[in-house]
Amino acid sequence: MTARTCDDWPHLMELAPELQFKHYRASEVGLPAGALIQLPDVALADVDVCCDLERRVFNGDHTDPQVGSALAETDWQELRTWTSRDPAS
């Protein structure tokens, strides 16, 4: 566990044990262009994203709402979407 690990990690491990959620500033994440276009007035160095960077899954409960909305319009998935997906697909 690192200092960036989400405080809710025990609960998150129950929901999606294959993911590792950590907290980042939005400026550190490398947001996709489609999200950045939607956030022209957001100071990315001041807002948080809780996510698994490798799999591009974010925890909407711990992510700035504007950033979460912008990410939802890209290839990133919100945790609820990830956990409700059909594993066969």
N, C-alpha and C. Protein backbone atom coordinates (compact mmCIF):
# COMPACT_ATOMS: atom_id res chain seq x y z
N MET A 1 0.85 -1.17 0.00
CA MET A 1 0.00 0.00 0.00
C MET A 1 0.90 1.24 0.00
N THR A 2 0.51 2.27 -0.74
CA THR A 2 1.28 3.50 -0.80
C THR A 2 0.45 4.65 -0.23
N ALA A 3 1.09 5.80 -0.10
CA ALA A 3 0.40 6.99 0.41
C ALA A 3 -0.74 7.41 -0.52
N ARG A 4 -0.68 7.03 -1.76
CA ARG A 4 -1.73 7.39 -2.71
C ARG A 4 -2.93 6.44 -2.67
N THR A 5 -2.77 5.30 -2.05
CA THR A 5 -3.84 4.31 -2.03
C THR A 5 -5.11 4.91 -1.43
N CYS A 6 -6.23 4.64 -2.09
CA CYS A 6 -7.52 5.16 -1.62
C CYS A 6 -7.83 4.64 -0.22
N ASP A 7 -8.34 5.52 0.62
CA ASP A 7 -8.71 5.14 1.99
C ASP A 7 -9.78 4.06 2.03
N ASP A 8 -10.58 3.96 0.98
CA ASP A 8 -11.65 2.96 0.92
C ASP A 8 -11.19 1.64 0.31
N TRP A 9 -9.88 1.39 0.31
CA TRP A 9 -9.36 0.20 -0.37
C TRP A 9 -10.00 -1.11 0.08
N PRO A 10 -10.34 -1.31 1.36
CA PRO A 10 -10.96 -2.60 1.69
C PRO A 10 -12.29 -2.81 0.94
N HIS A 11 -13.11 -1.77 0.91
CA HIS A 11 -14.39 -1.86 0.19
C HIS A 11 -14.16 -2.02 -1.31
N LEU A 12 -13.21 -1.27 -1.85
CA LEU A 12 -12.93 -1.34 -3.28
C LEU A 12 -12.39 -2.71 -3.68
N MET A 13 -11.63 -3.34 -2.80
CA MET A 13 -11.11 -4.68 -3.08
C MET A 13 -12.25 -5.70 -3.13
N GLU A 14 -13.31 -5.47 -2.37
CA GLU A 14 -14.47 -6.36 -2.44
C GLU A 14 -15.22 -6.19 -3.77
N LEU A 15 -15.30 -4.94 -4.24
CA LEU A 15 -16.02 -4.65 -5.47
C LEU A 15 -15.25 -5.09 -6.72
N ALA A 16 -13.96 -4.78 -6.73
CA ALA A 16 -13.15 -5.03 -7.92
C ALA A 16 -11.72 -5.37 -7.50
N PRO A 17 -11.47 -6.59 -7.08
CA PRO A 17 -10.15 -6.96 -6.56
C PRO A 17 -9.03 -6.83 -7.59
N GLU A 18 -9.37 -6.82 -8.87
CA GLU A 18 -8.36 -6.70 -9.91
C GLU A 18 -7.87 -5.26 -10.12
N LEU A 19 -8.53 -4.30 -9.49
CA LEU A 19 -8.17 -2.89 -9.64
C LEU A 19 -7.45 -2.38 -8.41
N GLN A 20 -6.59 -1.40 -8.61
CA GLN A 20 -5.89 -0.75 -7.50
C GLN A 20 -6.11 0.75 -7.61
N PHE A 21 -6.99 1.27 -6.76
CA PHE A 21 -7.34 2.68 -6.80
C PHE A 21 -6.37 3.52 -5.98
N LYS A 22 -5.90 4.57 -6.62
CA LYS A 22 -5.01 5.52 -5.96
C LYS A 22 -5.51 6.93 -6.25
N HIS A 23 -5.13 7.86 -5.39
CA HIS A 23 -5.53 9.25 -5.56
C HIS A 23 -4.41 10.03 -6.25
N TYR A 24 -4.80 10.80 -7.25
CA TYR A 24 -3.90 11.64 -8.01
C TYR A 24 -4.52 13.01 -8.19
N ARG A 25 -3.71 13.98 -8.50
CA ARG A 25 -4.21 15.25 -9.00
C ARG A 25 -4.54 15.03 -10.47
N ALA A 26 -5.57 15.67 -10.95
CA ALA A 26 -5.98 15.48 -12.35
C ALA A 26 -4.84 15.82 -13.31
N SER A 27 -3.98 16.74 -12.92
CA SER A 27 -2.85 17.12 -13.77
C SER A 27 -1.83 16.00 -13.92
N GLU A 28 -1.83 15.02 -13.02
CA GLU A 28 -0.87 13.91 -13.06
C GLU A 28 -1.35 12.73 -13.89
N VAL A 29 -2.62 12.67 -14.15
CA VAL A 29 -3.23 11.47 -14.72
C VAL A 29 -2.99 11.33 -16.22
N GLY A 30 -2.83 12.42 -16.93
CA GLY A 30 -2.74 12.35 -18.38
C GLY A 30 -4.13 12.12 -18.96
N LEU A 31 -5.03 13.03 -18.62
CA LEU A 31 -6.42 12.92 -19.08
C LEU A 31 -6.48 12.90 -20.60
N PRO A 32 -7.39 12.13 -21.15
CA PRO A 32 -7.55 12.11 -22.61
C PRO A 32 -8.02 13.47 -23.13
N ALA A 33 -7.67 13.74 -24.37
CA ALA A 33 -8.01 15.02 -24.98
C ALA A 33 -9.50 15.30 -24.91
N GLY A 34 -10.31 14.27 -25.11
CA GLY A 34 -11.76 14.45 -25.06
C GLY A 34 -12.24 14.96 -23.71
N ALA A 35 -11.56 14.58 -22.65
CA ALA A 35 -11.92 15.08 -21.31
C ALA A 35 -11.38 16.50 -21.11
N LEU A 36 -10.16 16.73 -21.54
CA LEU A 36 -9.55 18.05 -21.36
C LEU A 36 -10.36 19.15 -22.05
N ILE A 37 -10.91 18.85 -23.20
CA ILE A 37 -11.71 19.83 -23.93
C ILE A 37 -12.91 20.28 -23.11
N GLN A 38 -13.44 19.37 -22.28
CA GLN A 38 -14.61 19.68 -21.47
C GLN A 38 -14.27 20.40 -20.16
N LEU A 39 -12.99 20.60 -19.89
CA LEU A 39 -12.56 21.15 -18.60
C LEU A 39 -11.72 22.42 -18.75
N PRO A 40 -12.11 23.35 -19.62
CA PRO A 40 -11.24 24.51 -19.86
C PRO A 40 -11.03 25.41 -18.63
N ASP A 41 -11.98 25.43 -17.72
CA ASP A 41 -11.89 26.32 -16.56
C ASP A 41 -11.53 25.60 -15.27
N VAL A 42 -11.15 24.34 -15.35
CA VAL A 42 -10.81 23.56 -14.16
C VAL A 42 -9.30 23.59 -13.96
N ALA A 43 -8.88 23.96 -12.77
CA ALA A 43 -7.45 23.94 -12.43
C ALA A 43 -7.08 22.49 -12.08
N LEU A 44 -6.53 21.77 -13.04
CA LEU A 44 -6.29 20.34 -12.89
C LEU A 44 -5.32 20.01 -11.76
N ALA A 45 -4.49 20.95 -11.39
CA ALA A 45 -3.55 20.72 -10.29
C ALA A 45 -4.24 20.79 -8.93
N ASP A 46 -5.51 21.21 -8.92
CA ASP A 46 -6.23 21.40 -7.66
C ASP A 46 -7.36 20.40 -7.43
N VAL A 47 -7.62 19.51 -8.39
CA VAL A 47 -8.73 18.58 -8.24
C VAL A 47 -8.22 17.14 -8.29
N ASP A 48 -8.96 16.26 -7.61
CA ASP A 48 -8.53 14.88 -7.44
C ASP A 48 -9.23 13.91 -8.38
N VAL A 49 -8.49 12.84 -8.67
CA VAL A 49 -9.02 11.69 -9.41
C VAL A 49 -8.60 10.45 -8.63
N CYS A 50 -9.56 9.62 -8.33
CA CYS A 50 -9.30 8.33 -7.69
C CYS A 50 -9.48 7.29 -8.78
N CYS A 51 -8.40 6.59 -9.12
CA CYS A 51 -8.49 5.71 -10.28
C CYS A 51 -7.45 4.60 -10.27
N ASP A 52 -7.69 3.64 -11.15
CA ASP A 52 -6.71 2.65 -11.54
C ASP A 52 -6.22 3.13 -12.90
N LEU A 53 -5.01 3.68 -12.93
CA LEU A 53 -4.50 4.27 -14.17
C LEU A 53 -4.32 3.23 -15.28
N GLU A 54 -3.86 2.06 -14.92
CA GLU A 54 -3.58 1.04 -15.92
C GLU A 54 -4.83 0.63 -16.69
N ARG A 55 -5.92 0.48 -15.98
CA ARG A 55 -7.17 0.02 -16.62
C ARG A 55 -8.13 1.16 -16.94
N ARG A 56 -7.76 2.37 -16.60
CA ARG A 56 -8.56 3.57 -16.88
C ARG A 56 -9.97 3.45 -16.31
N VAL A 57 -10.02 3.14 -15.00
CA VAL A 57 -11.28 3.05 -14.26
C VAL A 57 -11.19 4.05 -13.12
N PHE A 58 -12.21 4.92 -12.97
CA PHE A 58 -12.18 5.90 -11.90
C PHE A 58 -13.33 5.67 -10.92
N ASN A 59 -13.08 6.06 -9.69
CA ASN A 59 -14.07 5.97 -8.62
C ASN A 59 -14.77 7.33 -8.55
N GLY A 60 -15.98 7.40 -9.04
CA GLY A 60 -16.72 8.65 -9.07
C GLY A 60 -16.97 9.25 -7.70
N ASP A 61 -17.01 8.42 -6.67
CA ASP A 61 -17.24 8.93 -5.32
C ASP A 61 -16.07 9.74 -4.80
N HIS A 62 -14.87 9.52 -5.33
CA HIS A 62 -13.67 10.21 -4.86
C HIS A 62 -13.01 11.05 -5.95
N THR A 63 -13.71 11.27 -7.03
CA THR A 63 -13.19 12.05 -8.14
C THR A 63 -13.99 13.34 -8.27
N ASP A 64 -13.29 14.43 -8.57
CA ASP A 64 -13.98 15.70 -8.78
C ASP A 64 -15.12 15.48 -9.77
N PRO A 65 -16.33 15.95 -9.45
CA PRO A 65 -17.49 15.68 -10.31
C PRO A 65 -17.33 16.15 -11.76
N GLN A 66 -16.71 17.30 -11.97
CA GLN A 66 -16.52 17.77 -13.34
C GLN A 66 -15.57 16.85 -14.10
N VAL A 67 -14.51 16.43 -13.44
CA VAL A 67 -13.55 15.53 -14.08
C VAL A 67 -14.21 14.18 -14.35
N GLY A 68 -14.98 13.68 -13.39
CA GLY A 68 -15.67 12.42 -13.57
C GLY A 68 -16.63 12.47 -14.76
N SER A 69 -17.37 13.54 -14.89
CA SER A 69 -18.29 13.68 -16.02
C SER A 69 -17.54 13.71 -17.35
N ALA A 70 -16.41 14.41 -17.36
CA ALA A 70 -15.60 14.48 -18.59
C ALA A 70 -15.01 13.11 -18.92
N LEU A 71 -14.51 12.40 -17.91
CA LEU A 71 -13.94 11.07 -18.15
C LEU A 71 -14.98 10.08 -18.65
N ALA A 72 -16.20 10.21 -18.16
CA ALA A 72 -17.27 9.30 -18.56
C ALA A 72 -17.58 9.40 -20.05
N GLU A 73 -17.17 10.49 -20.68
CA GLU A 73 -17.40 10.68 -22.11
C GLU A 73 -16.23 10.16 -22.95
N THR A 74 -15.28 9.49 -22.32
CA THR A 74 -14.10 8.96 -23.01
C THR A 74 -14.09 7.44 -22.88
N ASP A 75 -12.93 6.84 -23.15
CA ASP A 75 -12.82 5.39 -23.01
C ASP A 75 -12.61 4.95 -21.56
N TRP A 76 -12.52 5.90 -20.62
CA TRP A 76 -12.44 5.56 -19.20
C TRP A 76 -13.81 5.07 -18.74
N GLN A 77 -13.81 4.25 -17.69
CA GLN A 77 -15.07 3.76 -17.12
C GLN A 77 -15.15 4.13 -15.65
N GLU A 78 -16.35 4.41 -15.21
CA GLU A 78 -16.59 4.64 -13.79
C GLU A 78 -16.69 3.28 -13.12
N LEU A 79 -16.32 3.19 -11.86
CA LEU A 79 -16.28 1.93 -11.13
C LEU A 79 -17.60 1.18 -11.22
N ARG A 80 -18.73 1.86 -11.09
CA ARG A 80 -20.03 1.18 -11.14
C ARG A 80 -20.24 0.51 -12.50
N THR A 81 -19.80 1.17 -13.56
CA THR A 81 -19.90 0.60 -14.90
C THR A 81 -18.99 -0.63 -15.01
N TRP A 82 -17.77 -0.49 -14.49
CA TRP A 82 -16.81 -1.60 -14.53
C TRP A 82 -17.36 -2.83 -13.82
N THR A 83 -17.93 -2.64 -12.64
CA THR A 83 -18.40 -3.79 -11.86
C THR A 83 -19.70 -4.39 -12.41
N SER A 84 -20.42 -3.64 -13.24
CA SER A 84 -21.68 -4.16 -13.78
C SER A 84 -21.50 -4.73 -15.18
N ARG A 85 -20.29 -4.70 -15.71
CA ARG A 85 -20.06 -5.18 -17.07
C ARG A 85 -20.18 -6.70 -17.13
N ASP A 86 -20.40 -7.19 -18.32
CA ASP A 86 -20.46 -8.63 -18.53
C ASP A 86 -19.04 -9.14 -18.74
N PRO A 87 -18.53 -9.97 -17.83
CA PRO A 87 -17.15 -10.44 -17.94
C PRO A 87 -16.88 -11.21 -19.23
N ALA A 88 -17.90 -11.75 -19.85
CA ALA A 88 -17.71 -12.51 -21.09
C ALA A 88 -17.49 -11.60 -22.29
N SER A 89 -17.83 -10.32 -22.16
CA SER A 89 -17.68 -9.43 -23.31
C SER A 89 -16.34 -8.76 -23.34
